[in-house]
Amino acid sequence: MATAPKKKRAVVSYENMLAKPELAELAAAFAAKYPKGFNDYLPDLMRYPKLDGTDFYAVTVEIPEAIYLVKIKVKTDNIDDIERWLDGEDSNDDEGGSSAGESGGELPDDNISQYSTGEDDSSDM
């Protein structure tokens, strides 16, 4: 019984994948696996440690000759928040549902009636 040859394994950044013509097959596989982009791959995003003690985030994309980790830049104000989100925990459940990316907290002035021009009167409804 013959064993299948092992596939090449490599790490490439998303930006390099798009910029290098030799990675066109990988870019096509990435687009096929994640056609909606960010919304599709975010649940598959995994954190990987580096030797220098920092981490990077990547998704796995497989092509016939290789398996790639495609590094995705993740920007967050609080790394613990994104780790909780990736683990499926929502820290905002008891805070009223502020979504990720918002600065949180209340509006500076909760009296929005001062912004009414009087032209759009809701009594017509």
N, C-alpha and C. Protein backbone atom coordinates (compact mmCIF):
# COMPACT_ATOMS: atom_id res chain seq x y z
N MET A 1 0.84 -1.18 0.00
CA MET A 1 0.00 0.00 0.00
C MET A 1 0.89 1.25 0.00
N ALA A 2 0.78 2.06 -1.01
CA ALA A 2 1.60 3.26 -1.15
C ALA A 2 0.98 4.41 -0.38
N THR A 3 1.82 5.18 0.27
CA THR A 3 1.33 6.35 0.98
C THR A 3 1.38 7.55 0.06
N ALA A 4 0.40 8.40 0.21
CA ALA A 4 0.36 9.62 -0.60
C ALA A 4 1.49 10.55 -0.19
N PRO A 5 2.08 11.24 -1.14
CA PRO A 5 3.16 12.17 -0.78
C PRO A 5 2.59 13.30 0.09
N LYS A 6 3.41 13.74 1.04
CA LYS A 6 2.98 14.83 1.91
C LYS A 6 2.93 16.13 1.13
N LYS A 7 1.91 16.91 1.44
CA LYS A 7 1.76 18.20 0.78
C LYS A 7 2.71 19.22 1.42
N LYS A 8 3.14 20.14 0.60
CA LYS A 8 3.94 21.27 1.08
C LYS A 8 3.06 22.08 2.04
N ARG A 9 3.65 22.60 3.09
CA ARG A 9 2.95 23.45 4.04
C ARG A 9 3.71 24.77 4.13
N ALA A 10 2.96 25.88 4.08
CA ALA A 10 3.60 27.19 4.10
C ALA A 10 2.68 28.22 4.72
N VAL A 11 3.28 29.33 5.12
CA VAL A 11 2.55 30.47 5.65
C VAL A 11 2.77 31.64 4.71
N VAL A 12 1.68 32.32 4.36
CA VAL A 12 1.78 33.47 3.47
C VAL A 12 0.80 34.53 3.96
N SER A 13 1.18 35.79 3.84
CA SER A 13 0.25 36.85 4.24
C SER A 13 -0.78 37.04 3.14
N TYR A 14 -1.94 37.52 3.53
CA TYR A 14 -3.03 37.79 2.58
C TYR A 14 -2.56 38.74 1.49
N GLU A 15 -1.84 39.78 1.88
CA GLU A 15 -1.36 40.78 0.92
C GLU A 15 -0.41 40.16 -0.10
N ASN A 16 0.53 39.31 0.37
CA ASN A 16 1.48 38.67 -0.54
C ASN A 16 0.77 37.68 -1.45
N MET A 17 -0.25 37.01 -0.93
CA MET A 17 -0.99 36.06 -1.74
C MET A 17 -1.61 36.76 -2.96
N LEU A 18 -2.13 37.95 -2.74
CA LEU A 18 -2.76 38.70 -3.82
C LEU A 18 -1.75 39.32 -4.77
N ALA A 19 -0.56 39.66 -4.26
CA ALA A 19 0.43 40.39 -5.05
C ALA A 19 1.31 39.49 -5.91
N LYS A 20 1.47 38.24 -5.54
CA LYS A 20 2.41 37.37 -6.26
C LYS A 20 1.67 36.49 -7.27
N PRO A 21 2.04 36.59 -8.54
CA PRO A 21 1.38 35.79 -9.58
C PRO A 21 1.51 34.29 -9.35
N GLU A 22 2.60 33.85 -8.76
CA GLU A 22 2.79 32.41 -8.51
C GLU A 22 1.82 31.86 -7.45
N LEU A 23 1.14 32.76 -6.74
CA LEU A 23 0.15 32.33 -5.75
C LEU A 23 -1.28 32.54 -6.25
N ALA A 24 -1.45 32.68 -7.56
CA ALA A 24 -2.77 32.91 -8.13
C ALA A 24 -3.72 31.75 -7.83
N GLU A 25 -3.21 30.52 -7.86
CA GLU A 25 -4.05 29.35 -7.56
C GLU A 25 -4.53 29.40 -6.11
N LEU A 26 -3.64 29.81 -5.20
CA LEU A 26 -4.02 29.96 -3.80
C LEU A 26 -5.05 31.07 -3.64
N ALA A 27 -4.85 32.20 -4.31
CA ALA A 27 -5.80 33.30 -4.22
C ALA A 27 -7.17 32.88 -4.74
N ALA A 28 -7.20 32.09 -5.81
CA ALA A 28 -8.47 31.60 -6.35
C ALA A 28 -9.14 30.65 -5.36
N ALA A 29 -8.35 29.77 -4.72
CA ALA A 29 -8.91 28.85 -3.73
C ALA A 29 -9.44 29.61 -2.52
N PHE A 30 -8.74 30.67 -2.11
CA PHE A 30 -9.18 31.50 -1.00
C PHE A 30 -10.52 32.16 -1.35
N ALA A 31 -10.61 32.71 -2.55
CA ALA A 31 -11.85 33.38 -2.99
C ALA A 31 -13.00 32.39 -3.10
N ALA A 32 -12.72 31.16 -3.51
CA ALA A 32 -13.77 30.14 -3.61
C ALA A 32 -14.24 29.70 -2.23
N LYS A 33 -13.30 29.58 -1.29
CA LYS A 33 -13.66 29.14 0.07
C LYS A 33 -14.35 30.25 0.84
N TYR A 34 -13.96 31.50 0.60
CA TYR A 34 -14.51 32.65 1.33
C TYR A 34 -15.02 33.69 0.34
N PRO A 35 -16.12 33.41 -0.37
CA PRO A 35 -16.58 34.35 -1.39
C PRO A 35 -17.05 35.70 -0.86
N LYS A 36 -17.47 35.74 0.39
CA LYS A 36 -17.92 37.01 0.97
C LYS A 36 -16.81 37.72 1.72
N GLY A 37 -15.61 37.17 1.67
CA GLY A 37 -14.47 37.80 2.32
C GLY A 37 -14.54 37.73 3.83
N PHE A 38 -14.36 38.86 4.46
CA PHE A 38 -14.24 38.99 5.91
C PHE A 38 -15.33 38.24 6.68
N ASN A 39 -16.58 38.40 6.28
CA ASN A 39 -17.68 37.73 6.98
C ASN A 39 -17.58 36.22 6.93
N ASP A 40 -17.03 35.68 5.85
CA ASP A 40 -16.90 34.23 5.72
C ASP A 40 -15.73 33.67 6.53
N TYR A 41 -14.57 34.32 6.46
CA TYR A 41 -13.42 33.70 7.08
C TYR A 41 -13.26 34.01 8.56
N LEU A 42 -13.94 35.00 9.08
CA LEU A 42 -13.76 35.35 10.49
C LEU A 42 -14.03 34.19 11.44
N PRO A 43 -15.07 33.37 11.23
CA PRO A 43 -15.26 32.23 12.14
C PRO A 43 -14.13 31.20 12.08
N ASP A 44 -13.41 31.12 10.97
CA ASP A 44 -12.32 30.15 10.82
C ASP A 44 -10.98 30.70 11.28
N LEU A 45 -10.93 31.95 11.65
CA LEU A 45 -9.68 32.60 12.04
C LEU A 45 -9.13 31.95 13.30
N MET A 46 -7.88 31.54 13.25
CA MET A 46 -7.21 30.92 14.40
C MET A 46 -5.98 31.74 14.77
N ARG A 47 -5.65 31.71 16.05
CA ARG A 47 -4.46 32.41 16.54
C ARG A 47 -3.31 31.42 16.63
N TYR A 48 -2.15 31.83 16.13
CA TYR A 48 -0.96 30.98 16.16
C TYR A 48 0.17 31.75 16.84
N PRO A 49 0.87 31.12 17.79
CA PRO A 49 1.98 31.79 18.47
C PRO A 49 3.24 31.80 17.60
N LYS A 50 4.04 32.86 17.75
CA LYS A 50 5.33 32.96 17.07
C LYS A 50 6.42 32.78 18.13
N LEU A 51 7.62 32.50 17.67
CA LEU A 51 8.74 32.26 18.59
C LEU A 51 9.08 33.47 19.44
N ASP A 52 8.80 34.67 18.93
CA ASP A 52 9.15 35.88 19.69
C ASP A 52 8.11 36.23 20.76
N GLY A 53 7.10 35.37 20.94
CA GLY A 53 6.10 35.60 21.97
C GLY A 53 4.86 36.33 21.48
N THR A 54 4.88 36.83 20.25
CA THR A 54 3.70 37.47 19.69
C THR A 54 2.86 36.41 18.97
N ASP A 55 1.72 36.81 18.49
CA ASP A 55 0.83 35.90 17.78
C ASP A 55 0.46 36.46 16.42
N PHE A 56 -0.04 35.59 15.55
CA PHE A 56 -0.64 36.04 14.31
C PHE A 56 -1.92 35.24 14.10
N TYR A 57 -2.80 35.77 13.28
CA TYR A 57 -4.07 35.12 12.99
C TYR A 57 -4.07 34.67 11.54
N ALA A 58 -4.62 33.47 11.30
CA ALA A 58 -4.61 32.92 9.94
C ALA A 58 -5.78 31.97 9.73
N VAL A 59 -6.08 31.73 8.47
CA VAL A 59 -7.04 30.71 8.07
C VAL A 59 -6.28 29.69 7.21
N THR A 60 -6.79 28.47 7.18
CA THR A 60 -6.17 27.41 6.39
C THR A 60 -6.85 27.31 5.03
N VAL A 61 -6.04 27.29 3.99
CA VAL A 61 -6.54 27.12 2.63
C VAL A 61 -5.70 26.02 1.98
N GLU A 62 -6.40 25.04 1.39
CA GLU A 62 -5.70 23.92 0.77
C GLU A 62 -5.88 23.95 -0.74
N ILE A 63 -4.77 23.72 -1.44
CA ILE A 63 -4.80 23.55 -2.89
C ILE A 63 -4.22 22.16 -3.15
N PRO A 64 -4.31 21.63 -4.36
CA PRO A 64 -3.85 20.25 -4.59
C PRO A 64 -2.40 19.99 -4.18
N GLU A 65 -1.51 20.97 -4.35
CA GLU A 65 -0.09 20.73 -4.05
C GLU A 65 0.33 21.12 -2.64
N ALA A 66 -0.48 21.93 -1.94
CA ALA A 66 -0.01 22.47 -0.67
C ALA A 66 -1.17 22.85 0.26
N ILE A 67 -0.79 23.03 1.51
CA ILE A 67 -1.71 23.56 2.52
C ILE A 67 -1.08 24.84 3.06
N TYR A 68 -1.83 25.92 2.98
CA TYR A 68 -1.31 27.22 3.39
C TYR A 68 -2.05 27.75 4.61
N LEU A 69 -1.31 28.44 5.47
CA LEU A 69 -1.90 29.31 6.47
C LEU A 69 -1.83 30.70 5.86
N VAL A 70 -2.98 31.31 5.65
CA VAL A 70 -3.01 32.66 5.09
C VAL A 70 -3.18 33.62 6.26
N LYS A 71 -2.13 34.42 6.52
CA LYS A 71 -2.16 35.36 7.64
C LYS A 71 -3.10 36.52 7.33
N ILE A 72 -3.93 36.83 8.31
CA ILE A 72 -4.89 37.92 8.20
C ILE A 72 -4.55 38.94 9.28
N LYS A 73 -4.44 40.20 8.89
CA LYS A 73 -4.19 41.24 9.88
C LYS A 73 -5.45 41.46 10.69
N VAL A 74 -5.31 41.41 11.99
CA VAL A 74 -6.44 41.62 12.90
C VAL A 74 -6.09 42.82 13.76
N LYS A 75 -6.95 43.83 13.69
CA LYS A 75 -6.74 45.02 14.51
C LYS A 75 -7.82 45.04 15.58
N THR A 76 -7.38 45.20 16.80
CA THR A 76 -8.32 45.27 17.91
C THR A 76 -7.70 46.12 19.00
N ASP A 77 -8.55 46.77 19.76
CA ASP A 77 -8.05 47.55 20.88
C ASP A 77 -7.68 46.66 22.05
N ASN A 78 -8.35 45.51 22.14
CA ASN A 78 -8.13 44.63 23.28
C ASN A 78 -8.05 43.19 22.78
N ILE A 79 -6.88 42.59 22.85
CA ILE A 79 -6.67 41.24 22.35
C ILE A 79 -7.54 40.24 23.11
N ASP A 80 -7.81 40.49 24.38
CA ASP A 80 -8.67 39.58 25.15
C ASP A 80 -10.08 39.56 24.59
N ASP A 81 -10.57 40.72 24.10
CA ASP A 81 -11.91 40.78 23.52
C ASP A 81 -12.01 39.91 22.27
N ILE A 82 -11.02 39.98 21.40
CA ILE A 82 -11.09 39.18 20.19
C ILE A 82 -10.94 37.70 20.50
N GLU A 83 -10.12 37.36 21.49
CA GLU A 83 -9.97 35.96 21.86
C GLU A 83 -11.28 35.42 22.41
N ARG A 84 -11.97 36.21 23.22
CA ARG A 84 -13.29 35.78 23.74
C ARG A 84 -14.27 35.62 22.58
N TRP A 85 -14.22 36.55 21.62
CA TRP A 85 -15.12 36.47 20.47
C TRP A 85 -14.82 35.22 19.65
N LEU A 86 -13.53 34.94 19.41
CA LEU A 86 -13.16 33.76 18.64
C LEU A 86 -13.55 32.48 19.36
N ASP A 87 -13.55 32.51 20.69
CA ASP A 87 -13.96 31.34 21.47
C ASP A 87 -15.47 31.22 21.57
N GLY A 88 -16.21 32.19 21.01
CA GLY A 88 -17.66 32.12 21.01
C GLY A 88 -18.31 32.76 22.22
N GLU A 89 -17.53 33.45 23.02
CA GLU A 89 -18.08 34.14 24.18
C GLU A 89 -18.36 35.58 23.79
N ASP A 90 -19.54 36.08 24.16
CA ASP A 90 -19.89 37.46 23.85
C ASP A 90 -19.88 38.26 25.13
N SER A 91 -18.90 39.14 25.29
CA SER A 91 -18.76 39.91 26.52
C SER A 91 -19.79 41.01 26.63
N ASN A 92 -20.55 41.30 25.55
CA ASN A 92 -21.51 42.39 25.55
C ASN A 92 -22.93 41.96 25.83
N ASP A 93 -23.16 40.68 26.18
CA ASP A 93 -24.52 40.19 26.40
C ASP A 93 -25.26 40.96 27.46
N ASP A 94 -24.57 41.32 28.54
CA ASP A 94 -25.25 42.01 29.62
C ASP A 94 -25.07 43.52 29.57
N GLU A 95 -24.47 44.03 28.50
CA GLU A 95 -24.24 45.47 28.39
C GLU A 95 -25.16 46.13 27.37
N GLY A 96 -26.10 45.41 26.81
CA GLY A 96 -27.01 46.02 25.86
C GLY A 96 -26.64 45.79 24.42
N GLY A 97 -25.66 44.92 24.15
CA GLY A 97 -25.39 44.49 22.79
C GLY A 97 -24.59 45.44 21.94
N SER A 98 -23.63 46.12 22.49
CA SER A 98 -22.75 46.95 21.67
C SER A 98 -21.98 46.05 20.73
N SER A 99 -21.91 46.38 19.45
CA SER A 99 -21.24 45.51 18.49
C SER A 99 -19.75 45.80 18.44
N ALA A 100 -18.99 44.81 17.94
CA ALA A 100 -17.54 44.97 17.84
C ALA A 100 -17.21 46.13 16.93
N GLY A 101 -16.20 46.86 17.29
CA GLY A 101 -15.79 47.99 16.47
C GLY A 101 -16.36 49.31 16.93
N GLU A 102 -17.42 49.27 17.73
CA GLU A 102 -17.97 50.51 18.26
C GLU A 102 -17.14 50.92 19.46
N SER A 103 -17.14 52.19 19.76
CA SER A 103 -16.36 52.66 20.89
C SER A 103 -17.06 52.36 22.20
N GLY A 104 -18.32 51.96 22.16
CA GLY A 104 -19.06 51.59 23.35
C GLY A 104 -19.53 52.81 24.11
N GLY A 105 -20.22 52.56 25.21
CA GLY A 105 -20.70 53.65 26.04
C GLY A 105 -21.96 54.27 25.48
N GLU A 106 -22.40 55.34 26.13
CA GLU A 106 -23.63 56.02 25.73
C GLU A 106 -23.32 57.12 24.72
N LEU A 107 -24.37 57.55 24.06
CA LEU A 107 -24.21 58.71 23.19
C LEU A 107 -23.92 59.92 24.07
N PRO A 108 -23.19 60.88 23.57
CA PRO A 108 -22.86 62.05 24.38
C PRO A 108 -24.10 62.78 24.87
N ASP A 109 -25.13 62.82 24.06
CA ASP A 109 -26.35 63.52 24.45
C ASP A 109 -27.52 62.63 24.05
N ASP A 110 -28.24 62.09 25.03
CA ASP A 110 -29.31 61.16 24.69
C ASP A 110 -30.62 61.87 24.36
N ASN A 111 -30.64 63.18 24.31
CA ASN A 111 -31.83 63.93 23.94
C ASN A 111 -31.76 64.21 22.44
N ILE A 112 -32.23 63.25 21.63
CA ILE A 112 -32.10 63.40 20.19
C ILE A 112 -33.17 64.31 19.60
N SER A 113 -34.17 64.69 20.39
CA SER A 113 -35.22 65.57 19.86
C SER A 113 -34.66 66.92 19.44
N GLN A 114 -33.52 67.33 20.00
CA GLN A 114 -32.94 68.62 19.63
C GLN A 114 -32.45 68.64 18.19
N TYR A 115 -32.28 67.45 17.58
CA TYR A 115 -31.78 67.38 16.22
C TYR A 115 -32.91 67.39 15.19
N SER A 116 -34.14 67.38 15.62
CA SER A 116 -35.27 67.37 14.71
C SER A 116 -35.41 68.72 14.03
N THR A 117 -35.73 68.67 12.74
CA THR A 117 -35.92 69.91 11.99
C THR A 117 -37.38 70.31 11.94
N GLY A 118 -38.24 69.41 12.38
CA GLY A 118 -39.66 69.69 12.35
C GLY A 118 -40.29 69.37 11.01
N GLU A 119 -39.50 69.10 9.97
CA GLU A 119 -40.02 68.80 8.65
C GLU A 119 -40.57 67.38 8.56
N ASP A 120 -39.97 66.44 9.26
CA ASP A 120 -40.38 65.05 9.22
C ASP A 120 -41.21 64.76 10.47
N ASP A 121 -42.48 65.07 10.43
CA ASP A 121 -43.35 64.90 11.58
C ASP A 121 -43.89 63.49 11.58
N SER A 122 -43.66 62.74 12.66
CA SER A 122 -44.08 61.36 12.74
C SER A 122 -45.57 61.21 12.97
N SER A 123 -46.33 62.30 13.15
CA SER A 123 -47.77 62.21 13.38
C SER A 123 -48.52 61.85 12.10
N ASP A 124 -47.86 61.90 10.94
CA ASP A 124 -48.50 61.56 9.67
C ASP A 124 -48.75 60.07 9.54
N MET A 125 -48.04 59.27 10.29
CA MET A 125 -48.10 57.82 10.14
C MET A 125 -49.35 57.28 10.63
